Protein backbone atom coordinates (compact mmCIF):
# COMPACT_ATOMS: atom_id res chain seq x y z
CA UNK A 1 76.01 15.38 -6.51
CA UNK A 2 76.31 16.69 -2.95
CA UNK A 3 79.63 16.59 -1.13
CA UNK A 4 80.06 15.60 1.53
CA UNK A 5 77.03 13.32 1.50
CA UNK A 6 76.93 12.98 5.28
CA UNK A 7 76.65 16.74 5.77
CA UNK A 8 73.98 17.07 3.08
CA UNK A 9 71.76 14.33 4.52
CA UNK A 10 72.24 15.65 8.05
CA UNK A 11 71.10 19.11 6.95
CA UNK A 12 68.09 17.64 5.15
CA UNK A 13 67.06 15.70 8.25
CA UNK A 14 67.33 18.82 10.38
CA UNK A 15 64.15 19.98 8.64
CA UNK A 16 61.54 17.28 9.13
CA UNK A 17 58.90 16.53 6.54
CA UNK A 18 55.56 18.26 6.66
CA UNK A 19 53.93 15.24 8.27
CA UNK A 20 56.45 15.38 11.15
CA UNK A 21 56.32 18.95 12.29
CA UNK A 22 56.38 17.71 15.87
CA UNK A 23 60.02 16.65 15.46
CA UNK A 24 60.92 20.08 14.14
CA UNK A 25 59.13 21.63 17.11
CA UNK A 26 61.18 19.50 19.53
CA UNK A 27 64.34 20.59 17.69
CA UNK A 28 63.38 24.23 18.15
CA UNK A 29 62.68 23.61 21.83
CA UNK A 30 66.13 22.04 22.18
CA UNK A 31 67.78 25.04 20.50
CA UNK A 32 65.81 27.44 22.69
CA UNK A 33 66.73 25.49 25.83
CA UNK A 34 70.44 25.58 25.05
CA UNK A 35 70.25 29.28 24.13
CA UNK A 36 68.40 30.05 27.37
CA UNK A 37 70.89 28.09 29.45
CA UNK A 38 73.95 29.72 27.89
CA UNK A 39 72.39 33.20 28.09
CA UNK A 40 71.46 32.74 31.75
CA UNK A 41 74.87 31.33 32.61
CA UNK A 42 76.75 34.20 30.98
CA UNK A 43 74.52 36.84 32.59
CA UNK A 44 74.52 35.40 36.12
CA UNK A 45 78.27 34.77 36.23
CA UNK A 46 78.94 38.24 34.79
CA UNK A 47 76.82 39.79 37.56
CA UNK A 48 78.66 37.72 40.18
CA UNK A 49 81.96 38.89 38.66
CA UNK A 50 80.70 42.46 38.99
CA UNK A 51 79.79 42.05 42.65
CA UNK A 52 83.13 40.37 43.35
CA UNK A 53 84.95 43.28 41.68
CA UNK A 54 82.96 45.86 43.66
CA UNK A 55 83.59 44.09 46.97
CA UNK A 56 87.26 43.61 46.16
CA UNK A 57 87.71 47.27 45.32
CA UNK A 58 85.84 48.39 48.44
CA UNK A 59 87.81 46.07 50.70
CA UNK A 60 91.11 47.03 49.08
CA UNK A 61 90.12 50.67 49.49
CA UNK A 62 90.65 50.19 53.23
CA UNK A 63 93.45 47.66 53.25
CA UNK A 64 96.59 47.43 51.16
CA UNK A 65 97.67 45.17 48.33
CA UNK A 66 100.51 43.87 50.51
CA UNK A 67 102.00 44.46 53.97
CA UNK A 68 105.51 44.14 55.37
CA UNK A 69 105.79 43.23 59.05
CA UNK A 70 108.64 42.31 61.33
CA UNK A 71 108.78 38.74 62.55
CA UNK A 72 109.70 39.75 66.12
CA UNK A 73 107.08 42.51 66.45
CA UNK A 74 109.63 45.34 66.53
CA UNK A 75 110.22 47.55 63.49
CA UNK A 76 112.64 50.41 64.33
CA UNK A 77 114.25 50.56 60.85
CA UNK A 78 110.94 50.95 59.00
CA UNK A 79 111.93 54.13 57.16
CA UNK A 80 114.80 52.42 55.35
CA UNK A 81 112.54 49.49 54.48
CA UNK A 82 109.96 51.88 52.98
CA UNK A 83 112.70 53.46 50.87
CA UNK A 84 113.84 50.08 49.59
CA UNK A 85 110.29 48.81 48.97
CA UNK A 86 109.50 51.87 46.84
CA UNK A 87 112.42 50.98 44.57
CA UNK A 88 110.57 47.88 43.35
CA UNK A 89 109.16 48.66 39.88
CA UNK A 90 105.67 47.37 40.76
CA UNK A 91 105.27 49.26 44.06
CA UNK A 92 103.29 52.49 43.63
CA UNK A 93 103.26 53.61 47.25
CA UNK A 94 104.23 52.65 50.79
CA UNK A 95 103.03 53.93 54.15
CA UNK A 96 103.60 53.00 57.82
CA UNK A 97 100.80 51.79 60.06
CA UNK A 98 100.10 50.72 63.62
CA UNK A 99 97.18 48.42 64.44
CA UNK A 100 95.80 47.31 67.75
CA UNK A 101 92.48 45.80 68.80
CA UNK A 102 91.13 47.60 71.84
CA UNK A 103 88.06 49.15 73.44
CA UNK A 104 86.44 52.54 72.81
CA UNK A 105 84.12 54.28 75.25
CA UNK A 106 81.86 57.32 74.92
CA UNK A 107 79.81 58.06 78.01
CA UNK A 108 78.13 54.83 79.05
CA UNK A 109 78.59 53.16 75.65
CA UNK A 110 81.54 50.93 74.83
CA UNK A 111 82.53 49.07 71.70
CA UNK A 112 85.42 46.93 70.55
CA UNK A 113 87.33 48.32 67.59
CA UNK A 114 90.51 48.08 65.59
CA UNK A 115 92.56 51.24 66.12
CA UNK A 116 94.80 51.95 63.14
CA UNK A 117 97.54 54.56 63.24
CA UNK A 118 98.36 56.03 59.82
CA UNK A 119 100.47 58.76 58.28
CA UNK A 120 98.06 61.27 56.66
CA UNK A 121 100.74 62.28 54.14
CA UNK A 122 101.55 58.83 52.74
CA UNK A 123 98.29 57.00 53.51
CA UNK A 124 96.55 58.20 50.28
CA UNK A 125 99.27 56.31 48.38
CA UNK A 126 98.03 52.95 49.66
CA UNK A 127 94.30 53.36 50.48
CA UNK A 128 91.21 55.34 49.53
CA UNK A 129 90.18 56.43 53.02
CA UNK A 130 90.70 60.08 52.10
CA UNK A 131 88.03 59.66 49.39
CA UNK A 132 85.61 57.91 51.76
CA UNK A 133 85.33 60.74 54.28
CA UNK A 134 81.75 61.95 54.82
CA UNK A 135 82.69 64.41 57.58
CA UNK A 136 86.11 65.94 58.16
CA UNK A 137 89.30 65.05 56.30
CA UNK A 138 92.26 62.74 56.70
CA UNK A 139 94.58 65.76 56.95
CA UNK A 140 92.85 66.69 60.23
CA UNK A 141 94.97 64.07 61.95
CA UNK A 142 97.82 66.07 63.48
CA UNK A 143 100.26 64.42 65.92
CA UNK A 144 99.73 65.58 69.47
CA UNK A 145 96.15 66.81 68.94
CA UNK A 146 94.73 63.33 69.68
CA UNK A 147 92.06 63.25 66.98
CA UNK A 148 90.36 60.14 65.69
CA UNK A 149 88.35 59.27 62.57
CA UNK A 150 85.52 56.77 63.04
CA UNK A 151 83.49 54.62 60.71
CA UNK A 152 79.88 55.77 60.52
CA UNK A 153 78.62 52.52 62.04
CA UNK A 154 81.05 52.74 64.94
CA UNK A 155 80.15 56.39 65.55
CA UNK A 156 76.45 55.49 65.62
CA UNK A 157 77.12 52.66 68.02
CA UNK A 158 78.97 55.01 70.38
CA UNK A 159 76.50 57.85 69.79
CA UNK A 160 79.16 60.41 68.88
CA UNK A 161 79.91 62.80 66.05
CA UNK A 162 82.62 65.27 65.02
CA UNK A 163 83.75 67.33 68.01
CA UNK A 164 82.71 64.76 70.62
CA UNK A 165 85.20 63.02 72.89
CA UNK A 166 85.83 59.30 73.24
CA UNK A 167 88.23 57.26 75.35
CA UNK A 168 90.55 54.68 73.81
CA UNK A 169 91.92 51.93 76.06
CA UNK A 170 95.42 50.63 75.43
CA UNK A 171 95.96 46.88 76.03
CA UNK A 172 98.79 47.64 78.51
CA UNK A 173 98.18 48.35 82.17
CA UNK A 174 100.18 50.59 84.50
CA UNK A 175 100.75 50.54 88.21
CA UNK A 176 99.67 53.57 90.25
CA UNK A 177 99.35 54.28 93.97
CA UNK A 178 95.67 53.47 93.56
CA UNK A 179 96.47 50.09 92.05
CA UNK A 180 96.75 48.62 88.56
CA UNK A 181 94.76 50.61 86.00
CA UNK A 182 94.52 50.37 82.19
CA UNK A 183 96.31 52.83 79.95
CA UNK A 184 93.68 55.21 78.49
CA UNK A 185 93.66 58.36 76.38
CA UNK A 186 90.92 60.79 75.47
CA UNK A 187 90.51 61.55 71.76
CA UNK A 188 88.34 64.04 69.89
CA UNK A 189 86.30 62.77 66.93
CA UNK A 190 87.69 64.68 63.95
CA UNK A 191 85.62 63.08 61.17
CA UNK A 192 83.62 60.12 59.86
CA UNK A 193 84.19 57.79 56.91
CA UNK A 194 82.00 55.26 55.11
CA UNK A 195 83.71 52.42 53.24
CA UNK A 196 80.59 50.42 52.44
CA UNK A 197 82.09 47.35 54.15
CA UNK A 198 80.50 46.44 57.47
CA UNK A 199 83.80 45.22 58.92
CA UNK A 200 85.36 48.68 58.62
CA UNK A 201 82.36 50.96 59.05
CA UNK A 202 81.48 49.45 62.42
CA UNK A 203 84.86 48.46 63.88
CA UNK A 204 87.64 50.76 62.65
CA UNK A 205 89.06 53.90 64.23
CA UNK A 206 91.91 55.80 62.54
CA UNK A 207 94.42 57.99 64.40
CA UNK A 208 97.83 59.46 63.61
CA UNK A 209 100.56 56.83 63.80
CA UNK A 210 102.67 58.97 66.16
CA UNK A 211 99.73 59.22 68.56
CA UNK A 212 99.37 55.44 68.27
CA UNK A 213 103.06 54.99 69.09
CA UNK A 214 102.64 57.01 72.28
CA UNK A 215 99.31 55.42 73.20
CA UNK A 216 100.57 51.86 72.79
CA UNK A 217 104.12 52.67 74.02
CA UNK A 218 105.88 51.53 70.86
CA UNK A 219 108.61 54.18 71.01
CA UNK A 220 109.88 54.49 67.39
CA UNK A 221 108.43 51.16 66.25
CA UNK A 222 105.46 50.68 63.94
CA UNK A 223 103.21 47.74 63.23
CA UNK A 224 104.25 47.41 59.60
CA UNK A 225 104.29 48.93 56.13
CA UNK A 226 101.36 48.92 53.71
CA UNK A 227 102.03 48.74 49.96
CA UNK A 228 100.05 49.58 46.86
CA UNK A 229 101.03 47.77 43.64
CA UNK A 230 100.60 48.52 39.96
CA UNK A 231 98.62 45.28 39.50
CA UNK A 232 96.92 43.82 42.55
CA UNK A 233 96.48 40.48 40.73
CA UNK A 234 100.28 40.09 40.82
CA UNK A 235 100.43 40.72 44.56
CA UNK A 236 101.54 37.18 45.42
CA UNK A 237 104.50 37.35 43.06
CA UNK A 238 105.57 40.82 44.22
CA UNK A 239 105.28 39.72 47.86
CA UNK A 240 107.65 36.81 47.22
CA UNK A 241 110.12 39.08 45.42
CA UNK A 242 110.10 41.66 48.23
CA UNK A 243 110.49 38.97 50.86
CA UNK A 244 113.63 37.76 49.08
CA UNK A 245 115.04 41.26 48.44
CA UNK A 246 114.55 42.92 51.82
CA UNK A 247 117.41 42.57 54.32
CA UNK A 248 116.61 40.95 57.63
CA UNK A 249 113.62 38.83 58.55
CA UNK A 250 110.28 40.24 57.45
CA UNK A 251 106.89 38.72 56.74
CA UNK A 252 105.38 39.98 53.48
CA UNK A 253 101.67 39.18 53.09
CA UNK A 254 99.41 40.03 50.16
CA UNK A 255 95.70 40.81 50.14
CA UNK A 256 94.73 37.31 48.99
CA UNK A 257 96.16 35.88 52.22
CA UNK A 258 94.51 38.47 54.46
CA UNK A 259 91.04 37.82 52.97
CA UNK A 260 91.56 34.32 51.62
CA UNK A 261 88.40 32.87 53.20
CA UNK A 262 86.18 35.62 51.80
CA UNK A 263 87.37 35.37 48.21
CA UNK A 264 87.46 31.58 48.41
CA UNK A 265 83.79 31.64 49.44
CA UNK A 266 82.96 33.92 46.50
CA UNK A 267 84.77 31.56 44.12
CA UNK A 268 82.92 28.57 45.61
CA UNK A 269 79.58 30.32 45.07
CA UNK A 270 80.47 31.00 41.43
CA UNK A 271 81.45 27.35 40.93
CA UNK A 272 78.22 26.07 42.48
CA UNK A 273 76.18 28.53 40.42
CA UNK A 274 77.96 27.35 37.27
CA UNK A 275 77.10 23.73 38.05
CA UNK A 276 73.45 24.53 38.83
CA UNK A 277 72.90 26.63 35.72
CA UNK A 278 74.70 24.06 33.56
CA UNK A 279 71.84 21.70 34.38
CA UNK A 280 69.62 23.89 32.19
CA UNK A 281 71.92 23.13 29.27
CA UNK A 282 71.94 19.44 30.25
CA UNK A 283 68.13 19.34 30.14
CA UNK A 284 68.19 20.87 26.67
CA UNK A 285 70.78 18.26 25.65
CA UNK A 286 68.38 15.50 26.73
CA UNK A 287 65.85 17.05 24.37
CA UNK A 288 68.38 16.57 21.58
CA UNK A 289 68.55 12.87 22.45
CA UNK A 290 64.77 12.51 22.28
CA UNK A 291 64.67 14.46 19.02
CA UNK A 292 67.28 12.29 17.35
CA UNK A 293 65.72 9.06 18.64
CA UNK A 294 62.43 10.08 17.01
CA UNK A 295 64.23 11.04 13.79
CA UNK A 296 66.04 7.68 13.70
CA UNK A 297 62.76 5.86 14.21
CA UNK A 298 61.09 7.96 11.48
CA UNK A 299 63.95 7.44 9.03
CA UNK A 300 64.39 3.69 9.38
CA UNK A 301 63.62 3.06 5.71
CA UNK A 302 65.91 5.86 4.53
CA UNK A 303 68.76 4.52 6.67
CA UNK A 304 68.24 1.02 5.28
CA UNK A 305 68.36 2.31 1.69
CA UNK A 306 71.52 4.31 2.38
CA UNK A 307 73.19 1.25 3.87
CA UNK A 308 72.22 -0.95 0.91
CA UNK A 309 73.76 1.70 -1.36
CA UNK A 310 77.07 1.25 0.47
CA UNK A 311 77.01 3.92 3.19
CA UNK A 312 78.98 2.54 6.15
CA UNK A 313 78.00 2.69 9.85
CA UNK A 314 80.40 5.54 10.57
CA UNK A 315 78.88 7.74 7.92
CA UNK A 316 75.39 6.84 9.13
CA UNK A 317 76.45 7.92 12.63
CA UNK A 318 77.90 11.10 11.14
CA UNK A 319 74.54 12.06 9.62
CA UNK A 320 72.77 12.14 12.97
CA UNK A 321 75.72 13.54 14.90
CA UNK A 322 75.79 16.44 12.44
CA UNK A 323 72.08 16.99 12.93
CA UNK A 324 72.34 17.07 16.74
CA UNK A 325 75.54 19.12 16.67
CA UNK A 326 73.89 21.75 14.47
CA UNK A 327 71.10 22.08 17.01
CA UNK A 328 73.73 22.64 19.71
CA UNK A 329 75.77 25.07 17.59
CA UNK A 330 72.78 27.20 16.66
CA UNK A 331 71.46 27.22 20.24
CA UNK A 332 74.90 28.00 21.68
CA UNK A 333 75.46 30.80 19.16
CA UNK A 334 72.14 32.41 19.98
CA UNK A 335 72.76 32.01 23.70
CA UNK A 336 76.22 33.60 23.48
CA UNK A 337 74.91 36.57 21.50
CA UNK A 338 71.92 37.13 23.79
CA UNK A 339 74.03 36.54 26.92
CA UNK A 340 76.65 39.10 25.88
CA UNK A 341 73.98 41.67 25.05
CA UNK A 342 72.17 41.11 28.36
CA UNK A 343 75.37 41.05 30.44
CA UNK A 344 76.52 44.36 28.95
CA UNK A 345 73.12 45.99 29.51
CA UNK A 346 71.87 44.24 32.66
CA UNK A 347 71.91 47.46 34.66
CA UNK A 348 69.62 49.20 32.16
CA UNK A 349 67.38 46.15 31.87
CA UNK A 350 66.94 45.88 35.65
CA UNK A 351 66.22 49.62 35.89
CA UNK A 352 63.54 49.28 33.18
CA UNK A 353 61.96 46.31 35.00
CA UNK A 354 61.96 48.28 38.27
CA UNK A 355 60.18 51.19 36.58
CA UNK A 356 57.70 48.87 34.89
CA UNK A 357 56.82 46.97 38.08
CA UNK A 358 57.28 49.94 40.44
CA UNK A 359 59.62 47.98 42.71
CA UNK A 360 63.24 48.35 43.79
CA UNK A 361 65.36 45.20 43.91
CA UNK A 362 68.41 46.74 45.67
CA UNK A 363 67.29 49.62 47.84
CA UNK A 364 69.98 52.23 48.46
CA UNK A 365 68.70 52.49 52.05
CA UNK A 366 69.49 48.83 52.68
CA UNK A 367 72.29 47.91 50.29
CA UNK A 368 75.43 49.97 49.81
CA UNK A 369 75.70 48.58 46.25
CA UNK A 370 72.31 49.69 44.95
CA UNK A 371 72.91 48.97 41.27
CA UNK A 372 73.63 45.65 39.56
CA UNK A 373 77.29 45.57 38.47
CA UNK A 374 78.38 43.29 35.65
CA UNK A 375 81.79 42.25 34.42
CA UNK A 376 81.83 40.20 31.20
CA UNK A 377 84.91 38.03 30.77
CA UNK A 378 85.90 36.40 27.49
CA UNK A 379 87.22 33.35 29.35
CA UNK A 380 83.80 32.74 30.93
CA UNK A 381 81.96 33.06 27.60
CA UNK A 382 84.39 30.64 25.97
CA UNK A 383 84.07 28.12 28.77
CA UNK A 384 80.26 28.19 28.77
CA UNK A 385 80.12 27.85 24.98
CA UNK A 386 82.44 24.84 25.07
CA UNK A 387 80.35 23.20 27.79
CA UNK A 388 77.18 23.66 25.74
CA UNK A 389 78.81 22.35 22.56
CA UNK A 390 80.32 19.41 24.43
CA UNK A 391 76.99 18.38 25.96
CA UNK A 392 75.29 18.74 22.59
CA UNK A 393 77.88 16.52 20.93
CA UNK A 394 77.68 13.88 23.67
CA UNK A 395 73.89 13.77 23.38
CA UNK A 396 74.14 12.70 19.73
CA UNK A 397 76.24 9.59 20.33
CA UNK A 398 73.53 7.15 21.45
CA UNK A 399 70.92 8.00 18.76
CA UNK A 400 73.61 7.98 16.05
CA UNK A 401 74.93 4.61 17.28
CA UNK A 402 71.40 3.23 17.26
CA UNK A 403 70.93 4.44 13.66
CA UNK A 404 74.20 2.81 12.60
CA UNK A 405 72.97 -0.58 13.93
CA UNK A 406 69.82 -0.51 11.79
CA UNK A 407 69.43 -3.74 9.81
CA UNK A 408 68.22 -3.02 6.23
CA UNK A 409 66.24 -6.27 6.03
CA UNK A 410 64.29 -5.58 9.20
CA UNK A 411 63.73 -1.91 8.31
CA UNK A 412 62.41 -2.67 4.80
CA UNK A 413 60.37 -5.76 5.63
CA UNK A 414 57.07 -3.94 5.80
CA UNK A 415 57.78 -1.22 3.22
């Protein structure tokens, strides 16, 4: 009457008899556990994706997608290289730069810093520093006026502000009648910027690249060329293409190489979090095993009758695998739906909880990222759903195998 028979019996067994409501309760707990695990996994990984995206954008707002540097440290033909690099279809902008680690001094305070020489005209093509200015503007850098832009943390460390003077030490030394002294130059603080990344806010000073050339005695050379690409995720491929196309010997590096350790650490954290949260789903899968073992024990007589009527071991296994799989499918479906809803609205949910409890999880005075970003990815949802379904299916094998080995004579002896 019912086809297929295995599916029909499995669906009937999913709802236990009135005298065995405890089994149904365990089934509901298993569904809820899988749903909770999948929902938590989707939400947490989406939030971690959001933080990774925010950090990546903030870091790339101060660095470039790729850089071109000379292998011998000298770069006199940089203007022709910029022209050729801009001809690549995936290069949006190119700008020269000079970088040198040195010391800054203001009064009795000193601090190590990275001095970066930039071209105010072309720099907005490759970075967002012009949008990160809190005092002054990038256009204030005029060659020959010896102005410098400081990160807010570095300015606080030196105790200076716009209009104050600081001294920048060049790594070279020069001989004078008084002896060997370091090369120094006095600069005027023209403005402050805040990138939201500690590395740049506390250790970066920006000057005009022509002033940097004179300060570091580079003549017409520069440190390299910074590039901005149409798709930063294709930076490795574009870097290889440029390295092959450019004449001469140049080293083309992309942003993944410059910050490889940082993004590798973020990826490791996501992997570990995935493993830890997957244990929630594994615990729920163990509940499926216990549920099916109790069902098999409760249905010994029914199994024996089905086997005497000609139902083979494989179909007996199929009955209980269907029952356990349905628990996993329903739980996974609910978890995916709830996880997507929560991941898309986590910022509003956290704000509501903060208002309800009168607390602030991410204080704007402490954390630069004061909200809770979230980035939902279809690939993550698919992977988590497959993991949950796979664990649910695996958890049905032992109870189903045990049911298939039921001997009708032994099961019906006392009936």
